[in-house]
Amino acid sequence: MAAGMIKKTFLAPLGKDNPVFVQILGICSTLAVTNKLENTMVMTLGVMFTTALSSWTLSVMRKWIPSRIRMMVETMIIATYVIIVDIALKAFYPEMWKQLGPYVGLIITNCIVMGRIEAFALQNKPMLSLVDGLASGMGYAYVLLVIAFFRELLGTGTLWGYQILGSWWTNWSIMIMPPGGFFMLAIFIWIVREAVFKEGTK
């Protein structure tokens, strides 16, 4: 497998084919978990794990999956990895599991996971699919982490639970409310498309 192909597959979801600010996939997470940086980190690691291994597994199995039950098999594989994430989180990080419990299960329906399987893994070899799944998860992760950074900092004056801004700062309550997630996502998409994509077309 050519190193150039692996590099291209890895870099695309981090930039010009990013699943969040280009394809606008998986944005429900900006509403659900990005009000705290710690929660966002754990959630995005779970998505990276699920996306990478689901893509690899389905690529390995793609020649033996009957087309009529393809979607059911994909959902079952994704759910298996999500259950592993849920069990590991409950065993090693119970406090975080209590906070994220309902949202971890929603990884199963995250359209980034299913989208990369359908668009890439079912047409490519396992190793390349693993790279694509991992990179797609990373592309999703850094966008949400940037959003979470500003939401927590502006909304509570803290980062990772530590007080950063002093008593002089007035917390922006809207930042930790659902509208704050979409507001920050819109700003992020606008900045990236204006500053990066337009510059690249000149």
Protein backbone atom coordinates (compact mmCIF):
# COMPACT_ATOMS: atom_id res chain seq x y z
CA MET A 1 0.00 0.00 0.00
CA ALA A 2 1.52 3.32 -1.07
CA ALA A 3 2.54 5.66 1.73
CA GLY A 4 1.14 8.54 -0.30
CA MET A 5 -2.32 6.99 -0.31
CA ILE A 6 -2.21 6.47 3.44
CA LYS A 7 -1.09 10.07 3.98
CA LYS A 8 -3.82 11.43 1.70
CA THR A 9 -6.47 9.30 3.44
CA PHE A 10 -5.27 10.46 6.87
CA LEU A 11 -5.06 14.18 6.08
CA ALA A 12 -8.34 14.61 4.17
CA PRO A 13 -10.71 14.31 7.20
CA LEU A 14 -8.50 16.72 9.16
CA GLY A 15 -8.93 19.47 6.59
CA LYS A 16 -10.74 19.71 3.27
CA ASP A 17 -13.07 16.75 4.00
CA ASN A 18 -13.57 17.34 7.72
CA PRO A 19 -16.78 15.58 8.84
CA VAL A 20 -17.96 18.50 10.98
CA PHE A 21 -17.15 21.83 9.34
CA VAL A 22 -17.20 20.56 5.72
CA GLN A 23 -19.68 17.67 5.64
CA ILE A 24 -21.69 19.01 8.62
CA LEU A 25 -22.02 15.55 10.20
CA GLY A 26 -22.26 14.62 13.87
CA ILE A 27 -23.13 18.14 15.00
CA CYS A 28 -25.61 16.96 17.64
CA SER A 29 -22.58 16.37 19.87
CA THR A 30 -21.89 20.12 19.92
CA LEU A 31 -25.17 20.49 21.77
CA ALA A 32 -24.84 17.46 24.03
CA VAL A 33 -21.32 17.38 25.46
CA THR A 34 -19.28 20.46 24.56
CA ASN A 35 -20.22 22.51 27.60
CA LYS A 36 -17.30 20.85 29.46
CA LEU A 37 -13.86 20.16 28.00
CA GLU A 38 -13.35 16.97 30.02
CA ASN A 39 -16.64 15.47 28.87
CA THR A 40 -15.84 16.35 25.29
CA MET A 41 -12.43 14.70 25.43
CA VAL A 42 -13.89 11.42 26.71
CA MET A 43 -16.74 11.47 24.19
CA THR A 44 -14.49 12.17 21.22
CA LEU A 45 -12.07 9.40 22.23
CA GLY A 46 -15.04 7.03 22.24
CA VAL A 47 -16.04 8.17 18.77
CA MET A 48 -12.46 7.80 17.47
CA PHE A 49 -12.26 4.26 18.86
CA THR A 50 -15.64 3.30 17.41
CA THR A 51 -15.12 4.90 14.00
CA ALA A 52 -11.66 3.41 13.48
CA LEU A 53 -12.46 -0.15 14.54
CA SER A 54 -15.91 -0.23 12.95
CA SER A 55 -14.44 0.85 9.62
CA TRP A 56 -11.68 -1.75 9.89
CA THR A 57 -14.09 -4.54 10.88
CA LEU A 58 -16.60 -3.82 8.13
CA SER A 59 -13.81 -3.58 5.56
CA VAL A 60 -12.58 -7.04 6.60
CA MET A 61 -16.10 -8.46 6.35
CA ARG A 62 -17.36 -6.51 3.33
CA LYS A 63 -17.13 -9.37 0.82
CA TRP A 64 -19.22 -11.70 2.97
CA ILE A 65 -22.03 -9.34 3.99
CA PRO A 66 -25.25 -9.86 1.96
CA SER A 67 -26.46 -6.51 0.64
CA ARG A 68 -29.98 -7.01 2.01
CA ILE A 69 -28.75 -7.06 5.62
CA ARG A 70 -25.79 -4.68 5.20
CA MET A 71 -27.20 -1.89 7.37
CA MET A 72 -28.14 -4.29 10.17
CA VAL A 73 -24.65 -5.76 10.25
CA GLU A 74 -23.10 -2.29 10.27
CA THR A 75 -25.29 -1.22 13.18
CA MET A 76 -24.49 -4.39 15.12
CA ILE A 77 -20.72 -3.89 14.67
CA ILE A 78 -20.91 -0.23 15.68
CA ALA A 79 -23.05 -1.10 18.71
CA THR A 80 -20.51 -3.73 19.80
CA TYR A 81 -17.70 -1.18 19.95
CA VAL A 82 -19.91 1.39 21.64
CA ILE A 83 -20.79 -1.16 24.33
CA ILE A 84 -17.07 -1.75 24.88
CA VAL A 85 -16.59 2.00 25.35
CA ASP A 86 -19.53 2.15 27.75
CA ILE A 87 -18.29 -0.80 29.84
CA ALA A 88 -14.73 0.58 30.00
CA LEU A 89 -15.99 4.00 31.01
CA LYS A 90 -18.21 2.54 33.72
CA ALA A 91 -15.37 0.39 35.07
CA PHE A 92 -12.52 2.92 35.06
CA TYR A 93 -14.23 6.33 35.13
CA PRO A 94 -17.59 5.86 36.90
CA GLU A 95 -18.18 9.55 37.65
CA MET A 96 -17.74 10.45 34.01
CA TRP A 97 -19.92 7.49 33.03
CA LYS A 98 -22.75 8.91 35.13
CA GLN A 99 -22.47 12.21 33.29
CA LEU A 100 -22.09 10.80 29.79
CA GLY A 101 -24.00 7.53 30.11
CA PRO A 102 -27.00 8.53 27.96
CA TYR A 103 -24.81 10.17 25.33
CA VAL A 104 -22.31 7.33 24.87
CA GLY A 105 -25.09 5.15 23.48
CA LEU A 106 -25.83 7.83 20.89
CA ILE A 107 -22.47 7.13 19.23
CA ILE A 108 -24.30 4.23 17.57
CA THR A 109 -26.42 6.71 15.63
CA ASN A 110 -23.61 9.18 14.95
CA CYS A 111 -23.71 9.68 11.20
CA ILE A 112 -19.93 10.08 10.99
CA VAL A 113 -19.44 6.43 12.00
CA MET A 114 -22.01 5.05 9.58
CA GLY A 115 -21.04 7.56 6.91
CA ARG A 116 -17.38 6.51 6.80
CA ILE A 117 -18.34 2.85 6.66
CA GLU A 118 -20.70 3.41 3.74
CA ALA A 119 -18.55 5.90 1.86
CA PHE A 120 -15.12 4.38 2.43
CA ALA A 121 -14.75 1.12 4.36
CA LEU A 122 -17.01 -0.94 2.10
CA GLN A 123 -14.90 0.00 -0.94
CA ASN A 124 -11.38 -0.10 0.49
CA LYS A 125 -8.91 -2.42 2.19
CA PRO A 126 -8.90 -2.85 6.00
CA MET A 127 -5.72 -0.90 6.81
CA LEU A 128 -6.75 2.08 4.70
CA SER A 129 -10.23 1.95 6.23
CA LEU A 130 -8.69 1.94 9.72
CA VAL A 131 -6.68 5.05 8.84
CA ASP A 132 -9.75 6.77 7.39
CA GLY A 133 -11.86 5.92 10.44
CA LEU A 134 -9.20 7.12 12.86
CA ALA A 135 -8.60 10.36 10.93
CA SER A 136 -12.35 11.03 10.67
CA GLY A 137 -12.63 10.60 14.42
CA MET A 138 -9.70 12.96 14.95
CA GLY A 139 -11.22 15.52 12.60
CA TYR A 140 -14.42 15.34 14.60
CA ALA A 141 -12.52 15.49 17.90
CA TYR A 142 -10.47 18.62 17.40
CA VAL A 143 -13.46 20.65 16.23
CA LEU A 144 -15.48 19.67 19.29
CA LEU A 145 -12.53 20.26 21.63
CA VAL A 146 -12.05 23.79 20.30
CA ILE A 147 -15.76 24.48 20.77
CA ALA A 148 -15.71 22.97 24.28
CA PHE A 149 -12.65 25.04 25.22
CA PHE A 150 -14.43 28.31 24.53
CA ARG A 151 -17.82 27.21 25.84
CA GLU A 152 -16.46 26.14 29.22
CA LEU A 153 -14.07 29.08 29.53
CA LEU A 154 -16.63 31.74 28.61
CA GLY A 155 -19.55 30.01 30.30
CA THR A 156 -18.03 29.15 33.67
CA GLY A 157 -14.56 30.71 33.72
CA THR A 158 -13.00 27.26 34.15
CA LEU A 159 -11.12 24.69 32.08
CA TRP A 160 -11.08 21.00 33.01
CA GLY A 161 -12.64 22.04 36.32
CA TYR A 162 -9.90 24.53 37.24
CA GLN A 163 -10.73 28.20 37.70
CA ILE A 164 -9.02 30.22 34.98
CA LEU A 165 -10.81 33.55 34.89
CA GLY A 166 -10.97 35.59 38.08
CA SER A 167 -13.82 37.32 39.87
CA TRP A 168 -13.67 40.14 37.34
CA TRP A 169 -15.16 37.84 34.71
CA THR A 170 -18.93 37.64 34.27
CA ASN A 171 -19.91 34.17 33.07
CA TRP A 172 -21.78 33.99 29.80
CA SER A 173 -24.58 31.65 30.82
CA ILE A 174 -25.70 31.12 27.24
CA MET A 175 -22.41 29.34 26.51
CA ILE A 176 -23.28 26.37 28.69
CA MET A 177 -26.84 26.24 27.35
CA PRO A 178 -27.79 24.35 24.16
CA PRO A 179 -27.84 27.48 21.93
CA GLY A 180 -24.22 28.14 22.89
CA GLY A 181 -23.09 24.94 21.19
CA PHE A 182 -24.64 25.82 17.86
CA PHE A 183 -23.50 29.44 18.19
CA MET A 184 -19.86 28.38 18.64
CA LEU A 185 -20.12 25.78 15.86
CA ALA A 186 -21.43 28.42 13.46
CA ILE A 187 -18.55 30.76 14.34
CA PHE A 188 -16.02 27.95 13.88
CA ILE A 189 -17.39 26.97 10.46
CA TRP A 190 -17.47 30.62 9.38
CA ILE A 191 -13.87 31.26 10.43
CA VAL A 192 -12.56 28.11 8.77
CA ARG A 193 -14.40 28.62 5.51
CA GLU A 194 -13.52 32.31 5.28
CA ALA A 195 -9.92 32.19 6.48
CA VAL A 196 -8.80 28.82 5.14
CA PHE A 197 -10.91 27.68 2.21
CA LYS A 198 -11.21 31.08 0.52
CA GLU A 199 -7.49 31.67 0.95
CA GLY A 200 -6.83 28.32 -0.71
CA THR A 201 -8.86 29.29 -3.78
CA LYS A 202 -6.91 32.49 -4.48
